[in-house]
Protein backbone atom coordinates (compact mmCIF):
# COMPACT_ATOMS: atom_id res chain seq x y z
CA MET A 1 3.50 29.42 223.37
CA GLY A 2 5.89 27.62 225.68
CA VAL A 3 6.71 24.04 224.92
CA PHE A 4 3.44 23.60 223.02
CA VAL A 5 4.98 24.90 219.79
CA PHE A 6 7.53 22.06 219.84
CA LEU A 7 5.19 19.19 220.80
CA PRO A 8 3.66 18.70 217.32
CA LEU A 9 7.16 18.16 215.95
CA VAL A 10 7.66 15.02 218.06
CA LEU A 11 4.11 13.77 218.66
CA PRO A 12 4.13 11.84 215.35
CA LEU A 13 6.12 9.23 217.27
CA THR A 14 2.84 8.23 218.94
CA ALA A 15 1.61 6.79 215.63
CA LEU A 16 4.47 4.33 215.18
CA PRO A 17 3.06 1.51 217.41
CA ILE A 18 -0.27 1.31 215.56
CA ALA A 19 1.56 1.42 212.22
CA ARG A 20 3.28 -1.83 213.21
CA LEU A 21 0.16 -3.51 214.60
CA ALA A 22 -2.56 -2.31 212.21
CA GLU A 23 -1.99 -4.95 209.54
CA HIS A 24 -2.69 -7.78 212.00
CA HIS A 25 -5.49 -6.28 214.08
CA LEU A 26 -7.47 -3.90 211.86
CA HIS A 27 -9.51 -4.47 208.72
CA PRO A 28 -7.38 -3.28 205.76
CA ARG A 29 -9.85 -0.53 204.88
CA SER A 30 -10.03 0.72 208.46
CA ALA A 31 -6.24 0.59 208.79
CA ALA A 32 -5.63 2.56 205.58
CA VAL A 33 -8.14 5.28 206.41
CA PHE A 34 -7.17 5.57 210.08
CA LEU A 35 -3.41 5.68 209.46
CA THR A 36 -3.78 8.22 206.65
CA SER A 37 -6.02 10.45 208.75
CA VAL A 38 -3.62 10.38 211.69
CA ALA A 39 -0.64 11.07 209.40
CA VAL A 40 -2.33 14.05 207.74
CA VAL A 41 -3.36 15.64 211.07
CA LEU A 42 0.08 15.16 212.61
CA ALA A 43 1.89 16.44 209.51
CA ALA A 44 -0.36 19.50 209.23
CA CYS A 45 0.17 20.43 212.88
CA SER A 46 3.91 19.87 212.60
CA THR A 47 4.18 22.11 209.53
CA PHE A 48 1.95 24.75 211.10
CA CYS A 49 4.18 24.95 214.19
CA LEU A 50 7.25 25.26 211.99
CA GLY A 51 5.58 28.30 210.48
CA LEU A 52 4.95 29.74 213.95
CA LEU A 53 8.61 29.25 214.84
CA VAL A 54 9.61 31.07 211.66
CA VAL A 55 7.47 34.06 212.63
CA VAL A 56 8.70 34.11 216.22
CA GLY A 57 12.36 33.44 215.54
CA THR A 58 12.80 35.94 212.73
CA ALA A 59 10.97 38.93 214.22
CA ARG A 60 14.27 40.62 215.15
CA LEU A 61 16.23 39.73 212.05
CA PRO A 62 17.09 42.72 209.82
CA GLY A 63 15.09 42.96 206.63
CA ASN A 64 12.22 40.74 207.78
CA PRO A 65 8.76 41.74 206.51
CA LEU A 66 7.16 41.65 209.97
CA PRO A 67 6.01 44.78 211.84
CA ASP A 68 8.73 46.40 213.98
CA SER A 69 6.54 46.19 217.07
CA TRP A 70 6.73 42.41 216.94
CA SER A 71 10.38 42.59 218.01
CA ASP A 72 9.50 44.60 221.12
CA PRO A 73 11.22 43.28 224.30
CA GLU A 74 7.85 42.68 225.95
CA VAL A 75 6.80 40.48 223.06
CA ARG A 76 10.10 38.64 223.21
CA ALA A 77 9.51 38.04 226.91
CA ALA A 78 6.05 36.61 226.18
CA VAL A 79 7.36 34.52 223.29
CA PRO A 80 10.91 33.68 224.39
CA TYR A 81 12.50 32.22 221.29
CA ASP A 82 15.50 33.68 219.54
CA GLU A 83 16.63 33.70 215.96
CA VAL A 84 18.43 30.34 216.29
CA ALA A 85 15.09 28.55 216.45
CA GLY A 86 13.76 30.81 213.69
CA LYS A 87 16.65 30.11 211.33
CA ALA A 88 16.42 26.37 211.94
CA ALA A 89 12.67 26.52 211.33
CA ILE A 90 13.22 28.42 208.06
CA VAL A 91 15.53 25.67 206.81
CA ALA A 92 13.13 22.93 207.91
CA LEU A 93 10.05 24.63 206.47
CA THR A 94 11.83 25.31 203.18
CA PHE A 95 12.80 21.65 202.95
CA VAL A 96 9.20 20.59 203.65
CA VAL A 97 7.77 22.89 200.99
CA VAL A 98 10.32 21.85 198.36
CA ALA A 99 10.00 18.14 199.13
CA CYS A 100 6.20 18.20 199.04
CA SER A 101 6.16 20.26 195.84
CA LEU A 102 8.51 17.84 194.10
CA THR A 103 6.44 14.86 195.25
CA VAL A 104 3.20 16.34 193.93
CA ARG A 105 4.90 17.38 190.68
CA ARG A 106 6.33 13.90 190.13
CA HIS A 107 2.97 12.30 190.84
CA LEU A 108 1.01 14.57 188.50
CA ARG A 109 3.66 14.39 185.77
CA PHE A 110 3.57 10.60 185.77
CA ARG A 111 -0.22 10.61 185.52
CA PHE A 112 -0.21 13.17 182.73
CA ARG A 113 2.42 11.32 180.71
CA ALA A 114 0.67 8.00 181.17
CA HIS A 115 -2.70 9.33 180.03
CA ARG A 116 -1.07 11.13 177.10
CA ALA A 117 0.73 7.95 176.07
CA LEU A 118 -2.54 6.00 176.17
CA ALA A 119 -4.29 8.66 174.07
CA GLY A 120 -1.46 8.61 171.53
CA LEU A 121 -1.55 4.82 171.37
CA ARG A 122 -5.28 4.80 170.60
CA SER A 123 -4.92 7.50 167.95
CA ARG A 124 -2.08 5.66 166.20
CA THR A 125 -3.73 2.25 166.21
CA GLY A 126 -7.29 3.44 165.73
CA LEU A 127 -8.36 0.73 168.18
CA GLY A 128 -9.88 1.05 171.59
CA SER A 129 -8.06 -0.49 174.50
CA GLY A 130 -9.63 -2.96 176.86
CA SER A 131 -9.96 -6.02 174.66
CA ILE A 132 -7.85 -9.02 173.80
CA SER A 133 -8.85 -11.34 171.03
CA GLY A 134 -10.52 -14.41 172.42
CA SER A 135 -10.34 -13.26 176.07
CA SER A 136 -13.59 -13.15 178.03
CA ALA A 137 -11.73 -12.24 181.21
CA LEU A 138 -11.83 -8.58 180.23
CA SER A 139 -15.55 -8.52 179.53
CA GLY A 140 -17.42 -6.16 181.82
CA PHE A 141 -14.51 -3.78 182.18
CA GLY A 142 -14.74 -2.13 178.74
CA SER A 143 -12.58 0.88 178.05
CA GLU A 144 -11.53 0.99 181.70
CA VAL A 145 -8.78 -1.51 180.87
CA ALA A 146 -5.79 -0.61 178.69
CA VAL A 147 -3.77 -3.61 177.54
CA LEU A 148 -0.28 -2.66 176.41
CA ASP A 149 1.75 -4.83 174.06
CA ASP A 150 4.73 -5.29 176.35
CA GLU A 151 6.50 -8.49 177.35
CA GLU A 152 7.42 -7.02 180.75
CA PRO A 153 4.80 -8.22 183.27
CA TYR A 154 3.11 -5.39 185.18
CA ALA A 155 -0.31 -4.05 186.14
CA TYR A 156 -1.38 -0.92 187.99
CA ALA A 157 -4.30 1.43 188.49
CA LEU A 158 -3.96 4.83 186.83
CA PRO A 159 -6.34 7.41 188.36
CA GLY A 160 -7.87 10.18 186.32
CA SER A 161 -11.06 11.14 184.52
CA PRO A 162 -11.67 8.41 183.73
CA GLY A 163 -9.38 6.12 185.69
CA ARG A 164 -7.70 3.32 183.77
CA ILE A 165 -6.31 -0.11 184.55
CA ILE A 166 -2.96 -0.64 182.82
CA VAL A 167 -2.08 -4.26 182.12
CA SER A 168 0.72 -5.59 179.94
CA THR A 169 0.35 -8.58 177.69
CA GLY A 170 3.32 -10.03 179.53
CA MET A 171 1.35 -10.02 182.78
CA LEU A 172 -1.76 -11.52 181.17
CA SER A 173 0.30 -14.32 179.62
CA CYS A 174 1.43 -15.36 183.10
CA LEU A 175 -2.11 -15.82 184.43
CA ASP A 176 -5.09 -17.94 183.49
CA GLU A 177 -8.55 -16.50 182.92
CA ALA A 178 -9.72 -16.78 186.55
CA GLU A 179 -6.55 -15.09 187.73
CA TRP A 180 -7.03 -12.29 185.15
CA ARG A 181 -10.40 -11.60 186.69
CA ALA A 182 -8.84 -11.40 190.15
CA LEU A 183 -6.14 -9.06 188.87
CA LEU A 184 -8.62 -6.72 187.19
CA ALA A 185 -10.93 -6.74 190.21
CA HIS A 186 -7.94 -5.86 192.40
CA GLU A 187 -6.99 -2.87 190.25
CA ARG A 188 -10.62 -1.78 189.97
CA ALA A 189 -10.79 -1.73 193.77
CA HIS A 190 -7.80 0.64 193.81
CA LEU A 191 -9.66 3.03 191.52
CA ALA A 192 -12.98 2.76 193.34
CA GLY A 193 -11.34 3.27 196.74
CA ARG A 194 -9.28 6.26 195.56
CA HIS A 195 -6.21 4.60 197.01
CA HIS A 196 -3.89 6.93 195.12
CA ARG A 197 -5.15 9.79 197.29
CA LEU A 198 -4.36 7.91 200.49
CA LEU A 199 -0.90 6.99 199.22
CA LEU A 200 -0.12 10.53 198.10
CA ALA A 201 -1.39 12.01 201.37
CA VAL A 202 0.70 9.73 203.56
CA GLN A 203 3.73 10.28 201.30
CA LEU A 204 3.39 14.05 201.72
CA ALA A 205 3.00 13.56 205.47
CA GLY A 206 6.31 11.69 205.51
CA ARG A 207 7.94 14.57 203.63
CA ALA A 208 6.57 17.02 206.18
CA ASN A 209 7.81 15.07 209.20
CA PRO A 210 10.36 12.22 209.00
CA PHE A 211 8.78 10.51 212.03
CA LEU A 212 5.74 9.75 209.84
CA ARG A 213 7.62 7.90 207.11
CA PRO A 214 6.99 4.41 208.58
CA LEU A 215 3.26 5.02 208.12
CA ARG A 216 3.68 5.06 204.35
CA ALA A 217 4.68 1.40 204.21
CA ALA A 218 1.79 0.50 206.50
CA VAL A 219 -0.73 2.37 204.33
CA MET A 220 0.69 0.87 201.13
CA TYR A 221 0.31 -2.61 202.57
CA SER A 222 -3.21 -1.85 203.86
CA THR A 223 -4.40 -0.56 200.48
CA GLU A 224 -3.05 -3.68 198.78
CA ARG A 225 -4.81 -5.89 201.32
CA TRP A 226 -7.97 -3.82 200.88
CA ALA A 227 -7.86 -4.42 197.12
CA ASP A 228 -7.04 -8.10 197.68
CA GLU A 229 -10.15 -8.55 199.81
CA GLU A 230 -12.32 -6.76 197.24
CA ALA A 231 -10.91 -8.98 194.49
CA ALA A 232 -11.63 -12.09 196.56
CA ARG A 233 -15.19 -10.88 197.17
CA VAL A 234 -15.80 -10.19 193.46
CA THR A 235 -14.33 -13.48 192.23
CA GLY A 236 -15.81 -15.46 195.10
CA ASP A 237 -12.60 -17.45 195.50
CA ARG A 238 -9.87 -16.39 197.92
CA ARG A 239 -7.50 -19.12 196.73
CA ILE A 240 -7.60 -17.93 193.12
CA THR A 241 -6.92 -14.36 194.26
CA ALA A 242 -4.02 -15.54 196.43
CA ARG A 243 -2.63 -17.54 193.51
CA ALA A 244 -2.89 -14.51 191.21
CA VAL A 245 -1.05 -12.31 193.69
CA GLY A 246 1.70 -14.89 194.17
CA LYS A 247 2.18 -15.61 190.46
CA ALA A 248 2.19 -11.92 189.53
CA ALA A 249 4.82 -11.23 192.17
CA LEU A 250 6.89 -14.17 190.95
CA PHE A 251 6.95 -13.05 187.32
CA SER A 252 6.82 -9.27 187.60
CA ARG A 253 9.46 -6.71 188.38
CA ARG A 254 8.82 -3.55 190.35
CA VAL A 255 7.45 -0.85 188.02
CA ALA A 256 8.06 2.81 188.84
CA VAL A 257 4.57 4.18 189.52
CA PRO A 258 5.04 7.12 191.91
CA GLY A 259 2.19 7.40 194.39
CA LEU A 260 0.15 4.67 192.68
CA ALA A 261 -0.69 1.08 193.52
CA ALA A 262 0.91 -1.65 191.41
CA PHE A 263 -0.38 -5.22 191.46
CA ALA A 264 1.96 -7.46 193.48
CA ALA A 265 4.66 -4.78 193.41
CA VAL A 266 4.03 -3.76 197.03
CA GLY A 267 4.85 -6.31 199.65
CA PRO A 268 5.39 -8.19 201.61
CA VAL A 269 3.58 -10.50 199.19
CA PRO A 270 3.88 -13.67 201.36
CA ARG A 271 1.87 -11.98 204.12
CA ARG A 272 -0.78 -10.90 201.60
CA VAL A 273 -1.07 -14.45 200.28
CA ALA A 274 -1.24 -15.87 203.81
CA ALA A 275 -3.97 -13.39 204.72
CA LEU A 276 -6.01 -14.39 201.65
CA LEU A 277 -5.71 -18.05 202.60
CA GLY A 278 -6.96 -17.22 206.09
CA PRO A 279 -10.43 -16.18 207.30
CA VAL A 280 -12.22 -13.14 205.92
CA PRO A 281 -11.49 -10.11 208.15
CA LYS A 282 -14.55 -8.59 209.79
CA ARG A 283 -15.53 -5.21 208.39
CA GLY A 284 -15.41 -2.36 210.85
CA SER A 285 -13.88 -4.55 213.55
CA ARG A 286 -11.95 -2.69 216.20
CA PRO A 287 -9.47 -4.24 218.60
CA PRO A 288 -10.49 -4.16 222.28
CA ALA A 289 -9.15 -1.12 224.11
CA LEU A 290 -7.10 -3.22 226.55
CA THR A 291 -5.20 -5.10 223.84
CA ARG A 292 -1.89 -3.93 222.41
CA ALA A 293 -3.50 -2.87 219.16
CA GLY A 294 -6.33 -1.11 220.96
CA MET A 295 -3.96 0.82 223.18
CA ALA A 296 -1.75 1.68 220.22
CA ALA A 297 -4.76 3.05 218.33
CA CYS A 298 -5.77 5.11 221.37
CA VAL A 299 -2.23 6.45 221.70
CA ALA A 300 -2.16 7.45 218.02
CA ALA A 301 -5.56 9.16 218.27
CA ALA A 302 -4.51 10.91 221.48
CA GLY A 303 -1.28 12.03 219.84
CA ALA A 304 -3.19 13.53 216.92
CA ALA A 305 -5.58 15.29 219.30
CA ALA A 306 -2.74 16.57 221.49
CA SER A 307 -0.86 17.79 218.42
CA THR A 308 -3.93 19.72 217.25
CA LEU A 309 -4.51 21.27 220.67
CA SER A 310 -0.83 22.16 221.03
CA ALA A 311 -0.79 23.88 217.65
CA LEU A 312 -3.95 25.83 218.50
CA ASN A 313 -2.57 26.80 221.90
CA ALA A 314 0.70 28.05 220.41
CA ALA A 315 -1.14 29.97 217.70
CA LEU A 316 -3.50 31.58 220.23
CA ALA A 317 -0.62 32.58 222.52
CA LEU A 318 1.28 34.09 219.60
CA PHE A 319 -1.82 35.94 218.38
CA VAL A 320 -2.52 37.44 221.82
CA ALA A 321 1.09 38.57 222.28
CA LEU A 322 1.41 40.08 218.81
CA GLU A 323 -1.98 41.74 218.95
CA ALA A 324 -1.05 43.43 222.22
CA ALA A 325 2.20 44.70 220.71
CA THR A 326 0.75 45.87 217.38
CA PRO A 327 -0.91 49.31 217.50
CA LEU A 328 -4.28 49.67 215.80
C-alpha cells in the first residue's frame, strides 16, 4: 500500500485551480459537467481509501470482525499501519457517512414536502397550476409551472416525476412579460439539464472530502450560467435575459432550496449579467493546453487519474497481503 493509500486524501487539491478558472475559460455546460465529474471521482477514491485504512488500522484491535490471520506480524510488515491511523480513519469515515446521509435526507425531504404541498394546493383549490389570468407568458409551459400566491419573490426548479417550476406571484409582479419568458426558460433549462443531480453530487463530494468544497460554488455558478445561456437562446434576446436576472436578484431574497437551483439566488449575479451582455460562449470550446486554464484542467484530470490509480494500487496491495495471510 505504501503512501498510495494516503494520496487520494490530498489529491483533491489538484482540482482547485480549474475551479477558479473554469467560469472564465470554459463553456458553462462543459465547466459544470467537468467539475462535477472530477469531484465525484476524487471523492469516491478518497472515501475508498479511508475504508482501506479502517481495515488495515483495526486488524489488531480486540473485538474487530476481521479474521485473526489479518493481524499476523507478516501482514503488518507488508501493510505497516497501526491502530492510530485506523482509529482516525474510523472517525473520518463515520463523519463522511453521516454527513452524506443527512445531505441526501434533507434533499429528498425538501422535494417530497414541496411536491406534497403542490398536490394539496391543487386538491384544495380544484384548479390546475400553471396559469395566470390574462398572462400569455406562461403559455407553452402548461402544468409544468406552479404559480404560488405569495408576495415573497422567488422562483426555482423542483425536480421530480414530473419536474415543476415554482414561481411566486411576487416574482411575476416584478417582471414584465418578456422577462417572465426568460425566467421560465431559465428554470426549464435547470430541469432539462438535470442540474439538481450535478449540485447534489458535488455537495456530497464536498462532504466526503473538505478539499472539494470550493468546487460546489463553481458548479453552482456554472449551472446558473448554463441556464442563463439556454434562456437567452430560447428568448432570442440576451439583454432581456440579463435584465430578468438582475431584477429578480434585486427584488428577491434567498430561498432555502437545498441542492436545487433558484433563479437569481446563486451569485455572483453581476458576473452573470456581465456574461449575458457579452459574446455568446462557444459550445464545446476548450482552452489551449499551454494557457493557465488549459494547464489547470490537465492538472485536475491528472489528479483524478492519479487518485484512481493510487486507490487501485492500495487495494491490490492489501488484497495480495491479506490473501497470502488468510488460509483457504
